[in-house]
Amino acid sequence: MKQWFLIEDKSGYEKTITRYEEIRDAKKGTEEHKEKLLLAFLINQYEQKQWSLPEVDPIEMIKIRMEDFGYTASDLAKEYGDKGTVSKVLNYKQPLSLNMIRKFSKLLRIPADALTKEYKLHT
């Protein structure tokens, strides 16, 4: 296992993300699983230092991160499984479900608690 250190720059961040993606599905109890946990911690620490989340509602946060990653509503629908519901949520017609919060938090690397804030629906 490679020796890891705190992430100090974008290059280190990208290398860490790449390695994390390679071992994301490591089985619990293996060395790779331990490495994955460490990498997740290091990535989280770096992201918290780099990007303090703006004070926006959860839907705006999702839209910002979609733009950051180059995702479309169709990409979110692939993750969630229902394009109609995703469209309603992104247009403030339907609230986020717990299942959506879990999936979008992971996909868009947004802390789940940032997606649980209250926001107004457009009726």
PDB file of N, CA and C in Angstrom:
ATOM      1  N   MET A   1       0.849  -1.185   0.000  1.00  0.00           N
ATOM      2  CA  MET A   1       0.000   0.000   0.000  1.00  0.00           C
ATOM      3  C   MET A   1       0.888   1.240   0.000  1.00  0.00           C
ATOM      4  N   LYS A   2       0.552   2.188  -0.854  1.00  0.00           N
ATOM      5  CA  LYS A   2       1.280   3.451  -0.946  1.00  0.00           C
ATOM      6  C   LYS A   2       1.119   4.218   0.364  1.00  0.00           C
ATOM      7  N   GLN A   3       2.132   4.967   0.724  1.00  0.00           N
ATOM      8  CA  GLN A   3       2.028   5.803   1.916  1.00  0.00           C
ATOM      9  C   GLN A   3       1.352   7.107   1.524  1.00  0.00           C
ATOM     10  N   TRP A   4       0.290   7.476   2.233  1.00  0.00           N
ATOM     11  CA  TRP A   4      -0.475   8.673   1.916  1.00  0.00           C
ATOM     12  C   TRP A   4      -0.206   9.765   2.939  1.00  0.00           C
ATOM     13  N   PHE A   5      -0.303  11.007   2.486  1.00  0.00           N
ATOM     14  CA  PHE A   5      -0.113  12.174   3.344  1.00  0.00           C
ATOM     15  C   PHE A   5      -1.269  13.132   3.120  1.00  0.00           C
ATOM     16  N   LEU A   6      -1.335  14.191   3.920  1.00  0.00           N
ATOM     17  CA  LEU A   6      -2.372  15.190   3.723  1.00  0.00           C
ATOM     18  C   LEU A   6      -2.290  15.747   2.304  1.00  0.00           C
ATOM     19  N   ILE A   7      -3.439  16.003   1.718  1.00  0.00           N
ATOM     20  CA  ILE A   7      -3.493  16.545   0.362  1.00  0.00           C
ATOM     21  C   ILE A   7      -3.220  18.040   0.449  1.00  0.00           C
ATOM     22  N   GLU A   8      -2.242  18.493  -0.337  1.00  0.00           N
ATOM     23  CA  GLU A   8      -1.840  19.895  -0.252  1.00  0.00           C
ATOM     24  C   GLU A   8      -2.168  20.700  -1.501  1.00  0.00           C
ATOM     25  N   ASP A   9      -2.440  20.030  -2.632  1.00  0.00           N
ATOM     26  CA  ASP A   9      -2.705  20.775  -3.859  1.00  0.00           C
ATOM     27  C   ASP A   9      -3.634  19.971  -4.766  1.00  0.00           C
ATOM     28  N   LYS A  10      -4.025  20.611  -5.860  1.00  0.00           N
ATOM     29  CA  LYS A  10      -4.976  19.990  -6.788  1.00  0.00           C
ATOM     30  C   LYS A  10      -4.426  18.693  -7.384  1.00  0.00           C
ATOM     31  N   SER A  11      -3.136  18.665  -7.671  1.00  0.00           N
ATOM     32  CA  SER A  11      -2.512  17.472  -8.235  1.00  0.00           C
ATOM     33  C   SER A  11      -2.636  16.289  -7.260  1.00  0.00           C
ATOM     34  N   GLY A  12      -2.322  16.539  -5.999  1.00  0.00           N
ATOM     35  CA  GLY A  12      -2.447  15.495  -4.977  1.00  0.00           C
ATOM     36  C   GLY A  12      -3.885  15.055  -4.806  1.00  0.00           C
ATOM     37  N   TYR A  13      -4.802  16.011  -4.897  1.00  0.00           N
ATOM     38  CA  TYR A  13      -6.232  15.725  -4.778  1.00  0.00           C
ATOM     39  C   TYR A  13      -6.666  14.796  -5.912  1.00  0.00           C
ATOM     40  N   GLU A  14      -6.253  15.126  -7.134  1.00  0.00           N
ATOM     41  CA  GLU A  14      -6.642  14.315  -8.288  1.00  0.00           C
ATOM     42  C   GLU A  14      -6.075  12.899  -8.206  1.00  0.00           C
ATOM     43  N   LYS A  15      -4.834  12.763  -7.744  1.00  0.00           N
ATOM     44  CA  LYS A  15      -4.232  11.429  -7.580  1.00  0.00           C
ATOM     45  C   LYS A  15      -4.992  10.622  -6.540  1.00  0.00           C
ATOM     46  N   THR A  16      -5.380  11.295  -5.454  1.00  0.00           N
ATOM     47  CA  THR A  16      -6.105  10.620  -4.381  1.00  0.00           C
ATOM     48  C   THR A  16      -7.480  10.176  -4.868  1.00  0.00           C
ATOM     49  N   ILE A  17      -8.178  11.041  -5.596  1.00  0.00           N
ATOM     50  CA  ILE A  17      -9.496  10.695  -6.151  1.00  0.00           C
ATOM     51  C   ILE A  17      -9.365   9.504  -7.109  1.00  0.00           C
ATOM     52  N   THR A  18      -8.356   9.533  -7.958  1.00  0.00           N
ATOM     53  CA  THR A  18      -8.140   8.444  -8.921  1.00  0.00           C
ATOM     54  C   THR A  18      -7.950   7.115  -8.198  1.00  0.00           C
ATOM     55  N   ARG A  19      -7.098   7.122  -7.179  1.00  0.00           N
ATOM     56  CA  ARG A  19      -6.853   5.887  -6.425  1.00  0.00           C
ATOM     57  C   ARG A  19      -8.113   5.440  -5.693  1.00  0.00           C
ATOM     58  N   TYR A  20      -8.853   6.384  -5.122  1.00  0.00           N
ATOM     59  CA  TYR A  20     -10.091   6.050  -4.423  1.00  0.00           C
ATOM     60  C   TYR A  20     -11.062   5.351  -5.380  1.00  0.00           C
ATOM     61  N   GLU A  21     -11.201   5.907  -6.589  1.00  0.00           N
ATOM     62  CA  GLU A  21     -12.111   5.304  -7.576  1.00  0.00           C
ATOM     63  C   GLU A  21     -11.668   3.884  -7.941  1.00  0.00           C
ATOM     64  N   GLU A  22     -10.347   3.638  -7.983  1.00  0.00           N
ATOM     65  CA  GLU A  22      -9.829   2.311  -8.315  1.00  0.00           C
ATOM     66  C   GLU A  22     -10.207   1.271  -7.262  1.00  0.00           C
ATOM     67  N   ILE A  23     -10.246   1.678  -6.001  1.00  0.00           N
ATOM     68  CA  ILE A  23     -10.475   0.715  -4.913  1.00  0.00           C
ATOM     69  C   ILE A  23     -11.807   0.930  -4.196  1.00  0.00           C
ATOM     70  N   ARG A  24     -12.700   1.696  -4.801  1.00  0.00           N
ATOM     71  CA  ARG A  24     -13.976   2.050  -4.172  1.00  0.00           C
ATOM     72  C   ARG A  24     -14.762   0.829  -3.702  1.00  0.00           C
ATOM     73  N   ASP A  25     -14.688  -0.265  -4.428  1.00  0.00           N
ATOM     74  CA  ASP A  25     -15.482  -1.453  -4.094  1.00  0.00           C
ATOM     75  C   ASP A  25     -14.697  -2.508  -3.317  1.00  0.00           C
ATOM     76  N   ALA A  26     -13.615  -2.091  -2.667  1.00  0.00           N
ATOM     77  CA  ALA A  26     -12.785  -3.039  -1.901  1.00  0.00           C
ATOM     78  C   ALA A  26     -13.612  -3.699  -0.794  1.00  0.00           C
ATOM     79  N   LYS A  27     -13.362  -4.978  -0.576  1.00  0.00           N
ATOM     80  CA  LYS A  27     -14.087  -5.732   0.459  1.00  0.00           C
ATOM     81  C   LYS A  27     -13.608  -5.343   1.852  1.00  0.00           C
ATOM     82  N   LYS A  28     -14.571  -5.232   2.758  1.00  0.00           N
ATOM     83  CA  LYS A  28     -14.281  -4.874   4.145  1.00  0.00           C
ATOM     84  C   LYS A  28     -13.270  -5.854   4.750  1.00  0.00           C
ATOM     85  N   GLY A  29     -12.337  -5.302   5.511  1.00  0.00           N
ATOM     86  CA  GLY A  29     -11.334  -6.136   6.167  1.00  0.00           C
ATOM     87  C   GLY A  29     -10.048  -6.277   5.374  1.00  0.00           C
ATOM     88  N   THR A  30     -10.046  -5.858   4.106  1.00  0.00           N
ATOM     89  CA  THR A  30      -8.839  -5.964   3.291  1.00  0.00           C
ATOM     90  C   THR A  30      -7.978  -4.715   3.465  1.00  0.00           C
ATOM     91  N   GLU A  31      -6.735  -4.808   3.039  1.00  0.00           N
ATOM     92  CA  GLU A  31      -5.839  -3.642   3.079  1.00  0.00           C
ATOM     93  C   GLU A  31      -6.373  -2.522   2.195  1.00  0.00           C
ATOM     94  N   GLU A  32      -6.913  -2.903   1.044  1.00  0.00           N
ATOM     95  CA  GLU A  32      -7.468  -1.887   0.149  1.00  0.00           C
ATOM     96  C   GLU A  32      -8.657  -1.170   0.786  1.00  0.00           C
ATOM     97  N   HIS A  33      -9.453  -1.892   1.568  1.00  0.00           N
ATOM     98  CA  HIS A  33     -10.584  -1.255   2.258  1.00  0.00           C
ATOM     99  C   HIS A  33     -10.071  -0.234   3.268  1.00  0.00           C
ATOM    100  N   LYS A  34      -9.028  -0.593   4.000  1.00  0.00           N
ATOM    101  CA  LYS A  34      -8.441   0.352   4.966  1.00  0.00           C
ATOM    102  C   LYS A  34      -7.894   1.575   4.235  1.00  0.00           C
ATOM    103  N   GLU A  35      -7.246   1.339   3.087  1.00  0.00           N
ATOM    104  CA  GLU A  35      -6.714   2.435   2.284  1.00  0.00           C
ATOM    105  C   GLU A  35      -7.856   3.322   1.784  1.00  0.00           C
ATOM    106  N   LYS A  36      -8.957   2.697   1.355  1.00  0.00           N
ATOM    107  CA  LYS A  36     -10.110   3.448   0.866  1.00  0.00           C
ATOM    108  C   LYS A  36     -10.649   4.372   1.957  1.00  0.00           C
ATOM    109  N   LEU A  37     -10.754   3.874   3.172  1.00  0.00           N
ATOM    110  CA  LEU A  37     -11.245   4.694   4.285  1.00  0.00           C
ATOM    111  C   LEU A  37     -10.324   5.888   4.545  1.00  0.00           C
ATOM    112  N   LEU A  38      -9.022   5.643   4.501  1.00  0.00           N
ATOM    113  CA  LEU A  38      -8.055   6.716   4.690  1.00  0.00           C
ATOM    114  C   LEU A  38      -8.188   7.749   3.577  1.00  0.00           C
ATOM    115  N   LEU A  39      -8.285   7.288   2.338  1.00  0.00           N
ATOM    116  CA  LEU A  39      -8.408   8.207   1.205  1.00  0.00           C
ATOM    117  C   LEU A  39      -9.685   9.035   1.315  1.00  0.00           C
ATOM    118  N   ALA A  40     -10.781   8.415   1.709  1.00  0.00           N
ATOM    119  CA  ALA A  40     -12.038   9.151   1.871  1.00  0.00           C
ATOM    120  C   ALA A  40     -11.866  10.259   2.910  1.00  0.00           C
ATOM    121  N   PHE A  41     -11.176   9.955   3.984  1.00  0.00           N
ATOM    122  CA  PHE A  41     -10.922  10.947   5.031  1.00  0.00           C
ATOM    123  C   PHE A  41     -10.067  12.090   4.477  1.00  0.00           C
ATOM    124  N   LEU A  42      -8.988  11.752   3.770  1.00  0.00           N
ATOM    125  CA  LEU A  42      -8.090  12.780   3.219  1.00  0.00           C
ATOM    126  C   LEU A  42      -8.813  13.662   2.193  1.00  0.00           C
ATOM    127  N   ILE A  43      -9.625  13.040   1.360  1.00  0.00           N
ATOM    128  CA  ILE A  43     -10.395  13.786   0.358  1.00  0.00           C
ATOM    129  C   ILE A  43     -11.357  14.740   1.053  1.00  0.00           C
ATOM    130  N   ASN A  44     -12.047  14.250   2.053  1.00  0.00           N
ATOM    131  CA  ASN A  44     -13.007  15.069   2.797  1.00  0.00           C
ATOM    132  C   ASN A  44     -12.312  16.265   3.452  1.00  0.00           C
ATOM    133  N   GLN A  45     -11.165  16.022   4.072  1.00  0.00           N
ATOM    134  CA  GLN A  45     -10.414  17.105   4.719  1.00  0.00           C
ATOM    135  C   GLN A  45     -10.020  18.176   3.703  1.00  0.00           C
ATOM    136  N   TYR A  46      -9.514  17.754   2.559  1.00  0.00           N
ATOM    137  CA  TYR A  46      -9.085  18.695   1.522  1.00  0.00           C
ATOM    138  C   TYR A  46     -10.278  19.493   0.994  1.00  0.00           C
ATOM    139  N   GLU A  47     -11.377  18.793   0.712  1.00  0.00           N
ATOM    140  CA  GLU A  47     -12.552  19.473   0.162  1.00  0.00           C
ATOM    141  C   GLU A  47     -13.125  20.477   1.151  1.00  0.00           C
ATOM    142  N   GLN A  48     -13.125  20.139   2.424  1.00  0.00           N
ATOM    143  CA  GLN A  48     -13.644  21.085   3.418  1.00  0.00           C
ATOM    144  C   GLN A  48     -12.788  22.347   3.488  1.00  0.00           C
ATOM    145  N   LYS A  49     -11.470  22.190   3.353  1.00  0.00           N
ATOM    146  CA  LYS A  49     -10.581  23.356   3.361  1.00  0.00           C
ATOM    147  C   LYS A  49     -10.757  24.182   2.097  1.00  0.00           C
ATOM    148  N   GLN A  50     -10.905  23.506   0.964  1.00  0.00           N
ATOM    149  CA  GLN A  50     -10.954  24.192  -0.322  1.00  0.00           C
ATOM    150  C   GLN A  50     -12.280  24.880  -0.603  1.00  0.00           C
ATOM    151  N   TRP A  51     -13.340  24.157  -0.317  1.00  0.00           N
ATOM    152  CA  TRP A  51     -14.656  24.655  -0.711  1.00  0.00           C
ATOM    153  C   TRP A  51     -15.577  24.728   0.482  1.00  0.00           C
ATOM    154  N   SER A  52     -15.701  25.922   1.018  1.00  0.00           N
ATOM    155  CA  SER A  52     -16.755  26.069   2.020  1.00  0.00           C
ATOM    156  C   SER A  52     -18.038  26.224   1.214  1.00  0.00           C
ATOM    157  N   LEU A  53     -19.052  25.493   1.592  1.00  0.00           N
ATOM    158  CA  LEU A  53     -20.273  25.463   0.808  1.00  0.00           C
ATOM    159  C   LEU A  53     -21.024  26.781   0.917  1.00  0.00           C
ATOM    160  N   PRO A  54     -21.468  27.328  -0.205  1.00  0.00           N
ATOM    161  CA  PRO A  54     -22.215  28.581  -0.159  1.00  0.00           C
ATOM    162  C   PRO A  54     -23.562  28.377   0.535  1.00  0.00           C
ATOM    163  N   GLU A  55     -24.095  29.463   1.059  1.00  0.00           N
ATOM    164  CA  GLU A  55     -25.390  29.383   1.726  1.00  0.00           C
ATOM    165  C   GLU A  55     -26.496  29.449   0.685  1.00  0.00           C
ATOM    166  N   VAL A  56     -26.793  28.322   0.110  1.00  0.00           N
ATOM    167  CA  VAL A  56     -27.868  28.228  -0.872  1.00  0.00           C
ATOM    168  C   VAL A  56     -28.753  27.053  -0.491  1.00  0.00           C
ATOM    169  N   ASP A  57     -29.957  27.026  -1.060  1.00  0.00           N
ATOM    170  CA  ASP A  57     -30.851  25.912  -0.735  1.00  0.00           C
ATOM    171  C   ASP A  57     -30.338  24.620  -1.397  1.00  0.00           C
ATOM    172  N   PRO A  58     -30.826  23.481  -0.939  1.00  0.00           N
ATOM    173  CA  PRO A  58     -30.324  22.196  -1.446  1.00  0.00           C
ATOM    174  C   PRO A  58     -30.414  22.031  -2.963  1.00  0.00           C
ATOM    175  N   ILE A  59     -31.470  22.563  -3.576  1.00  0.00           N
ATOM    176  CA  ILE A  59     -31.621  22.398  -5.028  1.00  0.00           C
ATOM    177  C   ILE A  59     -30.561  23.210  -5.760  1.00  0.00           C
ATOM    178  N   GLU A  60     -30.299  24.426  -5.305  1.00  0.00           N
ATOM    179  CA  GLU A  60     -29.241  25.235  -5.911  1.00  0.00           C
ATOM    180  C   GLU A  60     -27.884  24.556  -5.723  1.00  0.00           C
ATOM    181  N   MET A  61     -27.674  23.957  -4.547  1.00  0.00           N
ATOM    182  CA  MET A  61     -26.430  23.236  -4.274  1.00  0.00           C
ATOM    183  C   MET A  61     -26.258  22.089  -5.275  1.00  0.00           C
ATOM    184  N   ILE A  62     -27.329  21.356  -5.510  1.00  0.00           N
ATOM    185  CA  ILE A  62     -27.286  20.256  -6.483  1.00  0.00           C
ATOM    186  C   ILE A  62     -26.947  20.802  -7.868  1.00  0.00           C
ATOM    187  N   LYS A  63     -27.595  21.898  -8.262  1.00  0.00           N
ATOM    188  CA  LYS A  63     -27.350  22.478  -9.593  1.00  0.00           C
ATOM    189  C   LYS A  63     -25.905  22.964  -9.732  1.00  0.00           C
ATOM    190  N   ILE A  64     -25.369  23.558  -8.684  1.00  0.00           N
ATOM    191  CA  ILE A  64     -23.973  24.027  -8.698  1.00  0.00           C
ATOM    192  C   ILE A  64     -23.030  22.848  -8.900  1.00  0.00           C
ATOM    193  N   ARG A  65     -23.239  21.778  -8.132  1.00  0.00           N
ATOM    194  CA  ARG A  65     -22.358  20.614  -8.228  1.00  0.00           C
ATOM    195  C   ARG A  65     -22.547  19.877  -9.562  1.00  0.00           C
ATOM    196  N   MET A  66     -23.768  19.876 -10.091  1.00  0.00           N
ATOM    197  CA  MET A  66     -23.991  19.290 -11.416  1.00  0.00           C
ATOM    198  C   MET A  66     -23.120  20.029 -12.436  1.00  0.00           C
ATOM    199  N   GLU A  67     -23.111  21.347 -12.345  1.00  0.00           N
ATOM    200  CA  GLU A  67     -22.298  22.149 -13.263  1.00  0.00           C
ATOM    201  C   GLU A  67     -20.807  21.862 -13.044  1.00  0.00           C
ATOM    202  N   ASP A  68     -20.394  21.770 -11.772  1.00  0.00           N
ATOM    203  CA  ASP A  68     -18.989  21.476 -11.454  1.00  0.00           C
ATOM    204  C   ASP A  68     -18.521  20.181 -12.114  1.00  0.00           C
ATOM    205  N   PHE A  69     -19.378  19.158 -12.084  1.00  0.00           N
ATOM    206  CA  PHE A  69     -19.009  17.846 -12.604  1.00  0.00           C
ATOM    207  C   PHE A  69     -19.437  17.634 -14.055  1.00  0.00           C
ATOM    208  N   GLY A  70     -20.169  18.595 -14.632  1.00  0.00           N
ATOM    209  CA  GLY A  70     -20.641  18.452 -16.003  1.00  0.00           C
ATOM    210  C   GLY A  70     -21.792  17.471 -16.135  1.00  0.00           C
ATOM    211  N   TYR A  71     -22.585  17.323 -15.068  1.00  0.00           N
ATOM    212  CA  TYR A  71     -23.715  16.401 -15.099  1.00  0.00           C
ATOM    213  C   TYR A  71     -24.979  17.098 -15.584  1.00  0.00           C
ATOM    214  N   THR A  72     -25.879  16.303 -16.155  1.00  0.00           N
ATOM    215  CA  THR A  72     -27.191  16.798 -16.572  1.00  0.00           C
ATOM    216  C   THR A  72     -28.251  16.140 -15.693  1.00  0.00           C
ATOM    217  N   ALA A  73     -29.496  16.586 -15.882  1.00  0.00           N
ATOM    218  CA  ALA A  73     -30.608  15.963 -15.155  1.00  0.00           C
ATOM    219  C   ALA A  73     -30.696  14.472 -15.513  1.00  0.00           C
ATOM    220  N   SER A  74     -30.341  14.137 -16.746  1.00  0.00           N
ATOM    221  CA  SER A  74     -30.359  12.722 -17.169  1.00  0.00           C
ATOM    222  C   SER A  74     -29.361  11.892 -16.376  1.00  0.00           C
ATOM    223  N   ASP A  75     -28.200  12.489 -16.068  1.00  0.00           N
ATOM    224  CA  ASP A  75     -27.205  11.770 -15.256  1.00  0.00           C
ATOM    225  C   ASP A  75     -27.755  11.497 -13.859  1.00  0.00           C
ATOM    226  N   LEU A  76     -28.448  12.484 -13.291  1.00  0.00           N
ATOM    227  CA  LEU A  76     -29.047  12.274 -11.969  1.00  0.00           C
ATOM    228  C   LEU A  76     -30.142  11.217 -12.052  1.00  0.00           C
ATOM    229  N   ALA A  77     -30.901  11.248 -13.127  1.00  0.00           N
ATOM    230  CA  ALA A  77     -31.972  10.262 -13.300  1.00  0.00           C
ATOM    231  C   ALA A  77     -31.407   8.848 -13.404  1.00  0.00           C
ATOM    232  N   LYS A  78     -30.256   8.698 -14.070  1.00  0.00           N
ATOM    233  CA  LYS A  78     -29.617   7.375 -14.149  1.00  0.00           C
ATOM    234  C   LYS A  78     -29.263   6.882 -12.751  1.00  0.00           C
ATOM    235  N   GLU A  79     -28.776   7.786 -11.915  1.00  0.00           N
ATOM    236  CA  GLU A  79     -28.402   7.425 -10.542  1.00  0.00           C
ATOM    237  C   GLU A  79     -29.642   7.110  -9.709  1.00  0.00           C
ATOM    238  N   TYR A  80     -30.681   7.929  -9.873  1.00  0.00           N
ATOM    239  CA  TYR A  80     -31.891   7.786  -9.053  1.00  0.00           C
ATOM    240  C   TYR A  80     -32.893   6.798  -9.643  1.00  0.00           C
ATOM    241  N   GLY A  81     -33.007   6.808 -10.975  1.00  0.00           N
ATOM    242  CA  GLY A  81     -33.898   5.842 -11.609  1.00  0.00           C
ATOM    243  C   GLY A  81     -35.199   6.406 -12.148  1.00  0.00           C
ATOM    244  N   ASP A  82     -35.456   7.714 -11.996  1.00  0.00           N
ATOM    245  CA  ASP A  82     -36.728   8.266 -12.461  1.00  0.00           C
ATOM    246  C   ASP A  82     -36.532   9.707 -12.913  1.00  0.00           C
ATOM    247  N   LYS A  83     -36.517   9.910 -14.229  1.00  0.00           N
ATOM    248  CA  LYS A  83     -36.254  11.235 -14.793  1.00  0.00           C
ATOM    249  C   LYS A  83     -37.348  12.243 -14.430  1.00  0.00           C
ATOM    250  N   GLY A  84     -38.597  11.802 -14.416  1.00  0.00           N
ATOM    251  CA  GLY A  84     -39.711  12.695 -14.095  1.00  0.00           C
ATOM    252  C   GLY A  84     -39.595  13.270 -12.697  1.00  0.00           C
ATOM    253  N   THR A  85     -39.280  12.431 -11.733  1.00  0.00           N
ATOM    254  CA  THR A  85     -39.138  12.882 -10.346  1.00  0.00           C
ATOM    255  C   THR A  85     -37.956  13.830 -10.214  1.00  0.00           C
ATOM    256  N   VAL A  86     -36.835  13.503 -10.852  1.00  0.00           N
ATOM    257  CA  VAL A  86     -35.659  14.375 -10.799  1.00  0.00           C
ATOM    258  C   VAL A  86     -36.011  15.748 -11.365  1.00  0.00           C
ATOM    259  N   SER A  87     -36.729  15.776 -12.469  1.00  0.00           N
ATOM    260  CA  SER A  87     -37.136  17.039 -13.088  1.00  0.00           C
ATOM    261  C   SER A  87     -38.020  17.850 -12.132  1.00  0.00           C
ATOM    262  N   LYS A  88     -38.980  17.194 -11.492  1.00  0.00           N
ATOM    263  CA  LYS A  88     -39.856  17.887 -10.545  1.00  0.00           C
ATOM    264  C   LYS A  88     -39.053  18.470  -9.387  1.00  0.00           C
ATOM    265  N   VAL A  89     -38.093  17.709  -8.879  1.00  0.00           N
ATOM    266  CA  VAL A  89     -37.270  18.175  -7.760  1.00  0.00           C
ATOM    267  C   VAL A  89     -36.434  19.381  -8.197  1.00  0.00           C
ATOM    268  N   LEU A  90     -35.776  19.304  -9.352  1.00  0.00           N
ATOM    269  CA  LEU A  90     -34.919  20.396  -9.822  1.00  0.00           C
ATOM    270  C   LEU A  90     -35.711  21.667 -10.156  1.00  0.00           C
ATOM    271  N   ASN A  91     -37.019  21.496 -10.381  1.00  0.00           N
ATOM    272  CA  ASN A  91     -37.887  22.643 -10.662  1.00  0.00           C
ATOM    273  C   ASN A  91     -38.733  23.050  -9.446  1.00  0.00           C
ATOM    274  N   TYR A  92     -38.328  22.572  -8.274  1.00  0.00           N
ATOM    275  CA  TYR A  92     -38.988  22.937  -7.013  1.00  0.00           C
ATOM    276  C   TYR A  92     -40.460  22.535  -6.958  1.00  0.00           C
ATOM    277  N   LYS A  93     -40.836  21.490  -7.668  1.00  0.00           N
ATOM    278  CA  LYS A  93     -42.226  21.017  -7.665  1.00  0.00           C
ATOM    279  C   LYS A  93     -42.432  19.870  -6.675  1.00  0.00           C
ATOM    280  N   GLN A  94     -41.334  19.232  -6.271  1.00  0.00           N
ATOM    281  CA  GLN A  94     -41.395  18.077  -5.368  1.00  0.00           C
ATOM    282  C   GLN A  94     -40.162  18.117  -4.471  1.00  0.00           C
ATOM    283  N   PRO A  95     -40.330  17.774  -3.183  1.00  0.00           N
ATOM    284  CA  PRO A  95     -39.162  17.796  -2.286  1.00  0.00           C
ATOM    285  C   PRO A  95     -38.220  16.609  -2.529  1.00  0.00           C
ATOM    286  N   LEU A  96     -36.978  16.780  -2.118  1.00  0.00           N
ATOM    287  CA  LEU A  96     -36.014  15.687  -2.156  1.00  0.00           C
ATOM    288  C   LEU A  96     -36.468  14.572  -1.224  1.00  0.00           C
ATOM    289  N   SER A  97     -36.343  13.340  -1.661  1.00  0.00           N
ATOM    290  CA  SER A  97     -36.625  12.196  -0.790  1.00  0.00           C
ATOM    291  C   SER A  97     -35.332  11.801  -0.075  1.00  0.00           C
ATOM    292  N   LEU A  98     -35.443  11.032   0.969  1.00  0.00           N
ATOM    293  CA  LEU A  98     -34.260  10.557   1.686  1.00  0.00           C
ATOM    294  C   LEU A  98     -33.363   9.747   0.761  1.00  0.00           C
ATOM    295  N   ASN A  99     -33.972   8.930  -0.083  1.00  0.00           N
ATOM    296  CA  ASN A  99     -33.207   8.126  -1.035  1.00  0.00           C
ATOM    297  C   ASN A  99     -32.435   9.020  -2.012  1.00  0.00           C
ATOM    298  N   MET A 100     -33.083  10.080  -2.499  1.00  0.00           N
ATOM    299  CA  MET A 100     -32.409  11.022  -3.395  1.00  0.00           C
ATOM    300  C   MET A 100     -31.242  11.695  -2.679  1.00  0.00           C
ATOM    301  N   ILE A 101     -31.468  12.113  -1.450  1.00  0.00           N
ATOM    302  CA  ILE A 101     -30.414  12.779  -0.677  1.00  0.00           C
ATOM    303  C   ILE A 101     -29.196  11.868  -0.577  1.00  0.00           C
ATOM    304  N   ARG A 102     -29.424  10.619  -0.258  1.00  0.00           N
ATOM    305  CA  ARG A 102     -28.309   9.665  -0.149  1.00  0.00           C
ATOM    306  C   ARG A 102     -27.562   9.524  -1.471  1.00  0.00           C
ATOM    307  N   LYS A 103     -28.305   9.308  -2.545  1.00  0.00           N
ATOM    308  CA  LYS A 103     -27.674   9.076  -3.853  1.00  0.00           C
ATOM    309  C   LYS A 103     -26.975  10.328  -4.381  1.00  0.00           C
ATOM    310  N   PHE A 104     -27.632  11.479  -4.278  1.00  0.00           N
ATOM    311  CA  PHE A 104     -27.057  12.714  -4.807  1.00  0.00           C
ATOM    312  C   PHE A 104     -25.886  13.189  -3.958  1.00  0.00           C
ATOM    313  N   SER A 105     -25.954  12.936  -2.666  1.00  0.00           N
ATOM    314  CA  SER A 105     -24.843  13.291  -1.781  1.00  0.00           C
ATOM    315  C   SER A 105     -23.579  12.559  -2.222  1.00  0.00           C
ATOM    316  N   LYS A 106     -23.715  11.282  -2.501  1.00  0.00           N
ATOM    317  CA  LYS A 106     -22.575  10.469  -2.923  1.00  0.00           C
ATOM    318  C   LYS A 106     -22.102  10.867  -4.326  1.00  0.00           C
ATOM    319  N   LEU A 107     -23.038  10.980  -5.260  1.00  0.00           N
ATOM    320  CA  LEU A 107     -22.701  11.284  -6.652  1.00  0.00           C
ATOM    321  C   LEU A 107     -22.050  12.660  -6.790  1.00  0.00           C
ATOM    322  N   LEU A 108     -22.618  13.654  -6.093  1.00  0.00           N
ATOM    323  CA  LEU A 108     -22.171  15.038  -6.263  1.00  0.00           C
ATOM    324  C   LEU A 108     -21.193  15.489  -5.181  1.00  0.00           C
ATOM    325  N   ARG A 109     -20.861  14.579  -4.278  1.00  0.00           N
ATOM    326  CA  ARG A 109     -19.943  14.875  -3.172  1.00  0.00           C
ATOM    327  C   ARG A 109     -20.395  16.114  -2.389  1.00  0.00           C
ATOM    328  N   ILE A 110     -21.660  16.062  -1.985  1.00  0.00           N
ATOM    329  CA  ILE A 110     -22.246  17.105  -1.144  1.00  0.00           C
ATOM    330  C   ILE A 110     -22.570  16.443   0.192  1.00  0.00           C
ATOM    331  N   PRO A 111     -22.179  17.052   1.307  1.00  0.00           N
ATOM    332  CA  PRO A 111     -22.561  16.466   2.596  1.00  0.00           C
ATOM    333  C   PRO A 111     -24.084  16.325   2.684  1.00  0.00           C
ATOM    334  N   ALA A 112     -24.552  15.186   3.136  1.00  0.00           N
ATOM    335  CA  ALA A 112     -25.998  14.933   3.190  1.00  0.00           C
ATOM    336  C   ALA A 112     -26.724  16.006   3.996  1.00  0.00           C
ATOM    337  N   ASP A 113     -26.098  16.501   5.056  1.00  0.00           N
ATOM    338  CA  ASP A 113     -26.790  17.505   5.881  1.00  0.00           C
ATOM    339  C   ASP A 113     -27.034  18.805   5.097  1.00  0.00           C
ATOM    340  N   ALA A 114     -26.235  19.089   4.070  1.00  0.00           N
ATOM    341  CA  ALA A 114     -26.464  20.274   3.238  1.00  0.00           C
ATOM    342  C   ALA A 114     -27.713  20.098   2.368  1.00  0.00           C
ATOM    343  N   LEU A 115     -28.106  18.845   2.147  1.00  0.00           N
ATOM    344  CA  LEU A 115     -29.281  18.573   1.320  1.00  0.00           C
ATOM    345  C   LEU A 115     -30.554  18.421   2.150  1.00  0.00           C
ATOM    346  N   THR A 116     -30.440  18.461   3.464  1.00  0.00           N
ATOM    347  CA  THR A 116     -31.621  18.296   4.308  1.00  0.00           C
ATOM    348  C   THR A 116     -32.200  19.631   4.781  1.00  0.00           C
ATOM    349  N   LYS A 117     -31.568  20.739   4.403  1.00  0.00           N
ATOM    350  CA  LYS A 117     -32.078  22.052   4.795  1.00  0.00           C
ATOM    351  C   LYS A 117     -33.441  22.285   4.158  1.00  0.00           C
ATOM    352  N   GLU A 118     -34.275  23.038   4.881  1.00  0.00           N
ATOM    353  CA  GLU A 118     -35.600  23.335   4.353  1.00  0.00           C
ATOM    354  C   GLU A 118     -35.514  24.326   3.207  1.00  0.00           C
ATOM    355  N   TYR A 119     -36.429  24.183   2.268  1.00  0.00           N
ATOM    356  CA  TYR A 119     -36.534  25.125   1.154  1.00  0.00           C
ATOM    357  C   TYR A 119     -37.971  25.142   0.677  1.00  0.00           C
ATOM    358  N   LYS A 120     -38.342  26.207  -0.001  1.00  0.00           N
ATOM    359  CA  LYS A 120     -39.727  26.359  -0.452  1.00  0.00           C
ATOM    360  C   LYS A 120     -39.927  25.719  -1.825  1.00  0.00           C
ATOM    361  N   LEU A 121     -41.071  25.037  -1.949  1.00  0.00           N
ATOM    362  CA  LEU A 121     -41.479  24.484  -3.238  1.00  0.00           C
ATOM    363  C   LEU A 121     -42.271  25.551  -3.980  1.00  0.00           C
ATOM    364  N   HIS A 122     -42.265  25.498  -5.311  1.00  0.00           N
ATOM    365  CA  HIS A 122     -43.070  26.406  -6.136  1.00  0.00           C
ATOM    366  C   HIS A 122     -44.386  25.700  -6.444  1.00  0.00           C
ATOM    367  N   THR A 123     -45.444  26.243  -5.929  1.00  0.00           N
ATOM    368  CA  THR A 123     -46.754  25.592  -6.141  1.00  0.00           C
ATOM    369  C   THR A 123     -47.575  26.306  -7.170  1.00  0.00           C
TER     370      THR A 123
END
